[in-house]
Amino acid sequence: MGWSLTIGRIAGTDVRLHFTFLIFLAWIGIADYMAGGPAAALDSIVFLLLVFLCVTLHEFGHIMMGRRFGIRTPQVILSPIGGIASMERMPEKPAQELLVAIAGPLVNVVIALVLVAAIGLSPGLLASLDFDQATLAERLLLVNVTLVLFNLIPAFPMDGGRVLRALLAMKMGPARATALAARIGQGFAMLFFALGLFYNPILMFVGIFIYFAATAEQQQAAFSGFAARLTVMDAMEPSPILLTTAQPLSAAVDALLSSPQKEFPVLDGDGQIAGILDRDQMILALRDQGAAVAVNEAMRASEPLQLHEPLAAALARMRSRGVTAEVVADAAGRVAGILTRENIGEMMMVESVQPGWRFRRR
């Protein structure tokens, strides 16, 4: 997610704040300042910051449980709609996914229990709390209870939907479980949208978010099944045009304009892989440095993929680095091809109309 800034790093995970959160915080602060003065504005801002601390702890519940199964999470982004933990992948075993999914809501359960003990409130009196008249601690308690209940709605890809998918996968396999959980999630999305028409417009936006998120998860699951049977060699573009570090950028421009290729492996003087130059880098360098600058001034570093590396693992590596293309090397370290997300997208189009298509390079 773009337009976000890093505010810290916890246990190897960058904590990022989306700019809309700052706008939301400022809007609430200004509105309450005008309605009730500095004290009201300060109370609202402190409350919101504590709520998002709870949301962050919720996300780190997922992150730390995922780490137990060898899953890294490079970043978590906080926005007005909640937190988004960018895990490299979800666990392959349903039992592990169940534990990762339930870990976040369990954090909110623990926070709620701590607040109940601190306030000295009987759990049976929880429903009698009036949010508008409640103390700061009581409001936080109500928010955490709401987070638990909302997140456990079985609407994929929310936590409850992931729990449902994991339970279904134990009986019918991951592909069918994902398809069914996604359809249930889309059903809840339409229910939220309909309720929003009559009660609260915010529910309409929640429904839209859940619908598209469930659809994206369904597509991702379809991709995982497709990629599971392929290696990098099956999906790469073989025999790409090569550049050298010493060539001027004008030579790269000529290669771009004379071929459909958009990314170019770059070799050093000894013929070894030195980096990769893509179209966007090329245009920026052309604008800022001119056509005579050497290619090595515009390229980025490369972490070559291996021919027989599983395609899913290779794409996970690319995704963690935020790149859309990477050089493929053979056993001797020479350039064997280039793997691009664009080419994989075209393969997915073929797979969608001809499931099980035999992709292979000759």
Protein backbone atom coordinates (compact mmCIF):
# COMPACT_ATOMS: atom_id res chain seq x y z
CA MET A 1 0.00 0.00 0.00
CA GLY A 2 1.51 3.32 -1.08
CA TRP A 3 1.34 6.68 0.67
CA SER A 4 2.49 5.37 4.02
CA LEU A 5 5.40 6.17 6.30
CA THR A 6 7.40 3.94 8.60
CA ILE A 7 6.98 4.86 12.27
CA GLY A 8 8.97 1.99 13.77
CA ARG A 9 10.27 -1.55 13.44
CA ILE A 10 9.24 -4.34 15.82
CA ALA A 11 10.83 -7.80 15.72
CA GLY A 12 11.82 -7.41 12.07
CA THR A 13 8.48 -6.00 10.89
CA ASP A 14 8.13 -2.38 9.73
CA VAL A 15 5.14 -0.61 11.26
CA ARG A 16 3.78 1.83 8.67
CA LEU A 17 1.10 4.49 8.97
CA HIS A 18 -1.08 5.23 5.95
CA PHE A 19 -1.53 8.95 5.31
CA THR A 20 -5.33 8.60 5.51
CA PHE A 21 -4.92 7.69 9.19
CA LEU A 22 -3.31 11.08 9.85
CA ILE A 23 -6.10 12.83 7.95
CA PHE A 24 -8.69 10.87 9.94
CA LEU A 25 -6.96 11.71 13.23
CA ALA A 26 -6.77 15.42 12.33
CA TRP A 27 -10.43 15.46 11.25
CA ILE A 28 -11.62 13.90 14.52
CA GLY A 29 -9.40 16.22 16.57
CA ILE A 30 -10.61 19.37 14.80
CA ALA A 31 -14.28 18.33 14.95
CA ASP A 32 -14.11 17.59 18.69
CA TYR A 33 -12.11 20.75 19.36
CA MET A 34 -14.83 22.85 17.73
CA ALA A 35 -17.58 20.97 19.58
CA GLY A 36 -16.05 20.66 23.05
CA GLY A 37 -12.73 22.47 23.19
CA PRO A 38 -9.14 21.26 23.78
CA ALA A 39 -10.06 18.68 26.43
CA ALA A 40 -12.56 16.92 24.15
CA ALA A 41 -10.10 16.92 21.25
CA LEU A 42 -7.31 15.50 23.41
CA ASP A 43 -9.60 12.80 24.81
CA SER A 44 -10.65 11.70 21.30
CA ILE A 45 -7.11 11.66 19.94
CA VAL A 46 -5.77 9.66 22.91
CA PHE A 47 -8.66 7.21 22.59
CA LEU A 48 -8.05 6.71 18.85
CA LEU A 49 -4.32 6.19 19.38
CA LEU A 50 -5.04 3.57 22.05
CA VAL A 51 -7.55 1.85 19.75
CA PHE A 52 -4.93 1.61 17.02
CA LEU A 53 -2.42 0.32 19.55
CA CYS A 54 -4.90 -2.50 20.18
CA VAL A 55 -5.24 -3.02 16.42
CA THR A 56 -1.44 -3.15 16.09
CA LEU A 57 -1.20 -5.73 18.89
CA HIS A 58 -3.94 -7.71 17.12
CA GLU A 59 -1.89 -7.76 13.92
CA PHE A 60 1.24 -8.77 15.81
CA GLY A 61 -0.72 -11.70 17.22
CA HIS A 62 -1.02 -12.95 13.64
CA ILE A 63 2.58 -12.01 12.85
CA MET A 64 4.17 -13.76 15.84
CA MET A 65 2.10 -16.91 15.34
CA GLY A 66 3.04 -16.92 11.66
CA ARG A 67 6.69 -16.60 12.62
CA ARG A 68 6.40 -19.87 14.56
CA PHE A 69 5.71 -21.54 11.22
CA GLY A 70 8.55 -19.81 9.38
CA ILE A 71 6.43 -17.05 7.82
CA ARG A 72 8.01 -13.60 7.67
CA THR A 73 6.00 -10.38 7.68
CA PRO A 74 8.02 -7.50 6.20
CA GLN A 75 5.50 -4.82 7.18
CA VAL A 76 2.17 -4.01 8.78
CA ILE A 77 0.21 -0.95 7.62
CA LEU A 78 -2.24 0.92 9.83
CA SER A 79 -5.12 2.72 8.16
CA PRO A 80 -8.56 4.02 9.26
CA ILE A 81 -10.11 0.67 8.29
CA GLY A 82 -7.68 -1.31 10.46
CA GLY A 83 -4.36 -3.07 10.12
CA ILE A 84 -2.97 -5.00 7.16
CA ALA A 85 -0.16 -7.45 7.92
CA SER A 86 1.73 -8.23 4.70
CA MET A 87 2.70 -11.84 5.33
CA GLU A 88 4.88 -13.43 2.67
CA ARG A 89 2.46 -16.35 2.53
CA MET A 90 -0.23 -18.11 4.51
CA PRO A 91 0.47 -21.49 6.13
CA GLU A 92 -0.10 -24.47 3.87
CA LYS A 93 -1.43 -26.71 6.65
CA PRO A 94 -5.02 -25.95 7.72
CA ALA A 95 -4.21 -26.38 11.43
CA GLN A 96 -1.45 -23.79 11.16
CA GLU A 97 -3.71 -21.36 9.31
CA LEU A 98 -6.31 -21.82 12.02
CA LEU A 99 -3.78 -20.87 14.70
CA VAL A 100 -2.52 -17.85 12.74
CA ALA A 101 -6.08 -16.64 12.08
CA ILE A 102 -7.29 -17.00 15.66
CA ALA A 103 -4.15 -15.45 17.22
CA GLY A 104 -5.23 -11.87 16.40
CA PRO A 105 -8.70 -12.00 18.05
CA LEU A 106 -7.18 -13.84 21.03
CA VAL A 107 -4.94 -10.81 21.62
CA ASN A 108 -8.06 -8.63 21.87
CA VAL A 109 -9.61 -11.17 24.25
CA VAL A 110 -6.55 -10.87 26.52
CA ILE A 111 -6.67 -7.05 26.36
CA ALA A 112 -10.39 -7.12 27.21
CA LEU A 113 -9.81 -9.44 30.19
CA VAL A 114 -7.00 -7.21 31.48
CA LEU A 115 -9.28 -4.17 31.22
CA VAL A 116 -12.14 -6.02 32.98
CA ALA A 117 -9.75 -6.84 35.84
CA ALA A 118 -8.34 -3.30 35.95
CA ILE A 119 -11.79 -1.69 35.98
CA GLY A 120 -13.18 -4.22 38.45
CA LEU A 121 -16.19 -4.81 36.23
CA SER A 122 -18.22 -8.00 36.29
CA PRO A 123 -18.32 -9.52 32.76
CA GLY A 124 -22.07 -9.83 33.14
CA LEU A 125 -22.40 -6.03 33.35
CA LEU A 126 -20.54 -5.46 30.09
CA ALA A 127 -23.73 -5.06 28.04
CA SER A 128 -24.95 -2.33 30.39
CA LEU A 129 -22.06 0.03 29.61
CA ASP A 130 -23.05 3.23 27.80
CA PHE A 131 -20.27 4.11 25.35
CA ASP A 132 -20.99 7.86 25.48
CA GLN A 133 -20.86 7.93 29.29
CA ALA A 134 -18.09 5.36 29.75
CA THR A 135 -14.57 6.09 30.98
CA LEU A 136 -11.58 5.75 28.65
CA ALA A 137 -10.80 2.25 29.93
CA GLU A 138 -14.43 1.16 29.57
CA ARG A 139 -14.57 2.46 25.99
CA LEU A 140 -11.38 0.54 25.17
CA LEU A 141 -12.96 -2.55 26.69
CA LEU A 142 -16.03 -2.19 24.47
CA VAL A 143 -13.85 -1.62 21.40
CA ASN A 144 -11.83 -4.79 22.02
CA VAL A 145 -14.98 -6.86 22.54
CA THR A 146 -16.33 -5.41 19.28
CA LEU A 147 -13.07 -6.22 17.47
CA VAL A 148 -13.29 -9.83 18.62
CA LEU A 149 -16.92 -10.23 17.56
CA PHE A 150 -16.49 -8.41 14.24
CA ASN A 151 -13.31 -10.24 13.25
CA LEU A 152 -14.86 -13.63 13.98
CA ILE A 153 -17.71 -13.09 11.51
CA PRO A 154 -17.14 -15.97 9.02
CA ALA A 155 -16.67 -13.58 6.10
CA PHE A 156 -13.52 -14.43 4.17
CA PRO A 157 -10.90 -12.89 4.23
CA MET A 158 -11.55 -11.65 7.77
CA ASP A 159 -10.14 -13.70 10.64
CA GLY A 160 -13.40 -15.60 11.08
CA GLY A 161 -13.41 -16.39 7.37
CA ARG A 162 -9.87 -17.72 7.58
CA VAL A 163 -10.86 -19.88 10.55
CA LEU A 164 -13.77 -21.18 8.48
CA ARG A 165 -11.49 -21.84 5.50
CA ALA A 166 -9.02 -23.73 7.69
CA LEU A 167 -11.78 -25.90 9.17
CA LEU A 168 -13.25 -26.59 5.73
CA ALA A 169 -9.79 -27.41 4.33
CA MET A 170 -9.43 -30.18 6.89
CA LYS A 171 -12.43 -31.88 5.24
CA MET A 172 -12.41 -30.92 1.55
CA GLY A 173 -8.94 -29.66 0.64
CA PRO A 174 -7.63 -26.08 0.28
CA ALA A 175 -8.96 -25.26 -3.21
CA ARG A 176 -12.60 -26.18 -2.54
CA ALA A 177 -12.40 -24.71 0.97
CA THR A 178 -11.17 -21.37 -0.36
CA ALA A 179 -13.84 -21.24 -3.06
CA LEU A 180 -16.62 -21.97 -0.54
CA ALA A 181 -15.24 -19.58 2.10
CA ALA A 182 -14.92 -16.84 -0.54
CA ARG A 183 -18.54 -17.32 -1.63
CA ILE A 184 -19.68 -17.13 1.99
CA GLY A 185 -17.61 -13.98 2.41
CA GLN A 186 -19.20 -12.45 -0.69
CA GLY A 187 -22.63 -13.34 0.73
CA PHE A 188 -21.84 -11.52 3.97
CA ALA A 189 -20.54 -8.59 1.92
CA MET A 190 -23.86 -8.25 0.12
CA LEU A 191 -25.68 -8.53 3.46
CA PHE A 192 -23.57 -5.70 4.91
CA PHE A 193 -24.23 -3.60 1.81
CA ALA A 194 -27.99 -4.16 2.08
CA LEU A 195 -28.00 -3.30 5.81
CA GLY A 196 -26.01 -0.18 5.03
CA LEU A 197 -28.75 1.02 2.68
CA PHE A 198 -31.27 1.04 5.55
CA TYR A 199 -29.22 1.59 8.71
CA ASN A 200 -25.66 2.87 8.49
CA PRO A 201 -23.83 3.84 5.26
CA ILE A 202 -20.53 2.72 6.80
CA LEU A 203 -21.77 -0.87 6.50
CA MET A 204 -21.98 -0.35 2.73
CA PHE A 205 -18.26 0.45 2.59
CA VAL A 206 -17.50 -2.55 4.83
CA GLY A 207 -19.50 -4.75 2.46
CA ILE A 208 -17.67 -3.42 -0.61
CA PHE A 209 -14.30 -4.00 1.09
CA ILE A 210 -15.19 -7.56 2.11
CA TYR A 211 -16.53 -8.41 -1.35
CA PHE A 212 -13.43 -7.33 -3.25
CA ALA A 213 -11.08 -8.75 -0.61
CA ALA A 214 -12.85 -12.12 -0.76
CA THR A 215 -12.63 -12.08 -4.56
CA ALA A 216 -8.91 -11.26 -4.40
CA GLU A 217 -8.30 -14.11 -1.97
CA GLN A 218 -10.19 -16.48 -4.26
CA GLN A 219 -7.99 -15.41 -7.19
CA GLN A 220 -4.86 -15.77 -5.07
CA ALA A 221 -5.89 -19.29 -4.09
CA ALA A 222 -6.47 -20.14 -7.75
CA PHE A 223 -3.00 -18.83 -8.53
CA SER A 224 -1.45 -20.89 -5.72
CA GLY A 225 -2.96 -24.05 -7.17
CA PHE A 226 -1.74 -23.09 -10.64
CA ALA A 227 1.78 -22.22 -9.46
CA ALA A 228 2.19 -25.32 -7.30
CA ARG A 229 2.88 -27.54 -10.32
CA LEU A 230 5.28 -25.15 -12.11
CA THR A 231 8.92 -24.14 -11.80
CA VAL A 232 10.61 -20.91 -12.80
CA MET A 233 11.75 -22.52 -16.05
CA ASP A 234 8.11 -23.18 -17.03
CA ALA A 235 7.13 -19.53 -16.62
CA MET A 236 10.21 -17.56 -17.65
CA GLU A 237 10.77 -15.77 -20.94
CA PRO A 238 13.86 -17.47 -22.45
CA SER A 239 16.65 -15.77 -24.41
CA PRO A 240 16.06 -12.17 -23.36
CA ILE A 241 17.98 -9.27 -24.86
CA LEU A 242 21.00 -8.55 -22.67
CA LEU A 243 22.71 -5.27 -21.84
CA THR A 244 26.14 -4.57 -20.36
CA THR A 245 27.06 -2.20 -17.58
CA ALA A 246 29.26 -0.09 -19.84
CA GLN A 247 26.67 0.50 -22.58
CA PRO A 248 25.07 3.95 -22.75
CA LEU A 249 21.44 4.29 -21.79
CA SER A 250 20.66 5.07 -25.43
CA ALA A 251 21.40 1.41 -26.26
CA ALA A 252 18.87 0.33 -23.66
CA VAL A 253 16.28 2.68 -25.16
CA ASP A 254 16.90 1.16 -28.60
CA ALA A 255 16.38 -2.33 -27.16
CA LEU A 256 13.16 -1.21 -25.46
CA LEU A 257 11.72 0.29 -28.63
CA SER A 258 12.73 -2.56 -30.93
CA SER A 259 11.32 -5.44 -28.88
CA PRO A 260 8.34 -6.28 -26.64
CA GLN A 261 10.77 -6.74 -23.75
CA LYS A 262 10.45 -4.28 -20.83
CA GLU A 263 13.09 -5.64 -18.44
CA PHE A 264 16.70 -6.34 -19.37
CA PRO A 265 19.34 -8.41 -17.56
CA VAL A 266 22.63 -6.52 -17.28
CA LEU A 267 26.05 -8.21 -17.45
CA ASP A 268 29.38 -6.92 -16.18
CA GLY A 269 32.65 -6.96 -18.11
CA ASP A 270 33.21 -10.64 -17.25
CA GLY A 271 29.78 -11.70 -18.48
CA GLN A 272 28.40 -12.18 -14.97
CA ILE A 273 24.96 -10.99 -13.91
CA ALA A 274 25.35 -7.46 -12.55
CA GLY A 275 21.75 -6.31 -12.26
CA ILE A 276 18.50 -5.70 -14.10
CA LEU A 277 17.15 -2.59 -15.84
CA ASP A 278 13.41 -2.10 -16.26
CA ARG A 279 11.47 0.41 -18.33
CA ASP A 280 10.58 2.73 -15.45
CA GLN A 281 14.19 2.96 -14.25
CA MET A 282 15.27 3.58 -17.82
CA ILE A 283 12.86 6.47 -18.38
CA LEU A 284 13.72 8.10 -15.04
CA ALA A 285 17.44 7.89 -15.75
CA LEU A 286 16.88 9.20 -19.27
CA ARG A 287 15.03 12.21 -17.87
CA ASP A 288 17.44 12.94 -15.00
CA GLN A 289 20.83 11.88 -16.37
CA GLY A 290 20.54 11.81 -20.15
CA ALA A 291 21.09 9.19 -22.85
CA ALA A 292 24.89 9.06 -22.47
CA VAL A 293 24.91 7.77 -18.88
CA ALA A 294 26.08 4.17 -18.48
CA VAL A 295 23.49 1.43 -17.91
CA ASN A 296 25.01 0.54 -14.54
CA GLU A 297 24.01 3.99 -13.25
CA ALA A 298 20.31 3.22 -13.84
CA MET A 299 19.99 -0.52 -13.13
CA ARG A 300 18.99 -2.10 -9.84
CA ALA A 301 20.57 -5.03 -8.03
CA SER A 302 19.49 -8.52 -9.01
CA GLU A 303 18.92 -11.63 -6.90
CA PRO A 304 18.77 -14.24 -9.67
CA LEU A 305 16.17 -17.00 -9.54
CA GLN A 306 17.08 -20.61 -10.31
CA LEU A 307 15.68 -22.64 -13.21
CA HIS A 308 14.18 -25.41 -11.12
CA GLU A 309 13.04 -23.21 -8.23
CA PRO A 310 9.29 -23.62 -7.49
CA LEU A 311 7.38 -20.80 -9.12
CA ALA A 312 5.41 -19.98 -5.95
CA ALA A 313 8.62 -19.62 -3.93
CA ALA A 314 10.22 -17.45 -6.60
CA LEU A 315 7.21 -15.12 -6.70
CA ALA A 316 7.21 -14.90 -2.89
CA ARG A 317 10.84 -13.74 -3.07
CA MET A 318 9.99 -11.17 -5.73
CA ARG A 319 6.97 -9.95 -3.77
CA SER A 320 9.00 -9.50 -0.59
CA ARG A 321 11.42 -7.26 -2.52
CA GLY A 322 8.67 -5.37 -4.32
CA VAL A 323 9.93 -6.21 -7.83
CA THR A 324 7.91 -7.25 -10.87
CA ALA A 325 10.70 -8.98 -12.81
CA GLU A 326 13.87 -10.92 -12.05
CA VAL A 327 16.73 -12.56 -13.90
CA VAL A 328 16.81 -16.37 -14.09
CA ALA A 329 20.23 -18.03 -13.92
CA ASP A 330 21.29 -21.54 -14.92
CA ALA A 331 23.50 -23.85 -12.87
CA ALA A 332 26.63 -22.10 -14.16
CA GLY A 333 25.32 -18.66 -13.19
CA ARG A 334 24.62 -17.55 -16.77
CA VAL A 335 21.43 -15.80 -17.81
CA ALA A 336 18.80 -18.39 -18.78
CA GLY A 337 15.80 -16.08 -18.99
CA ILE A 338 13.72 -13.53 -17.16
CA LEU A 339 10.61 -14.02 -15.03
CA THR A 340 7.97 -11.27 -15.13
CA ARG A 341 4.62 -10.88 -13.42
CA GLU A 342 3.17 -9.80 -16.76
CA ASN A 343 4.01 -13.13 -18.35
CA ILE A 344 2.62 -15.02 -15.36
CA GLY A 345 -0.59 -12.98 -15.66
CA GLU A 346 -0.92 -14.11 -19.28
CA MET A 347 -0.40 -17.72 -18.20
CA MET A 348 -3.15 -17.27 -15.61
CA MET A 349 -5.50 -16.08 -18.35
CA VAL A 350 -4.80 -19.28 -20.27
CA GLU A 351 -5.27 -21.36 -17.12
CA SER A 352 -8.62 -19.70 -16.42
CA VAL A 353 -10.09 -20.92 -19.74
CA GLN A 354 -8.10 -24.15 -20.02
CA PRO A 355 -7.45 -25.49 -16.48
CA GLY A 356 -4.48 -27.81 -16.29
CA TRP A 357 -2.81 -26.42 -19.44
CA ARG A 358 0.68 -27.92 -19.81
CA PHE A 359 3.08 -24.98 -19.73
CA ARG A 360 6.57 -26.01 -20.74
CA ARG A 361 9.67 -24.55 -22.33
CA ARG A 362 11.46 -26.38 -25.09
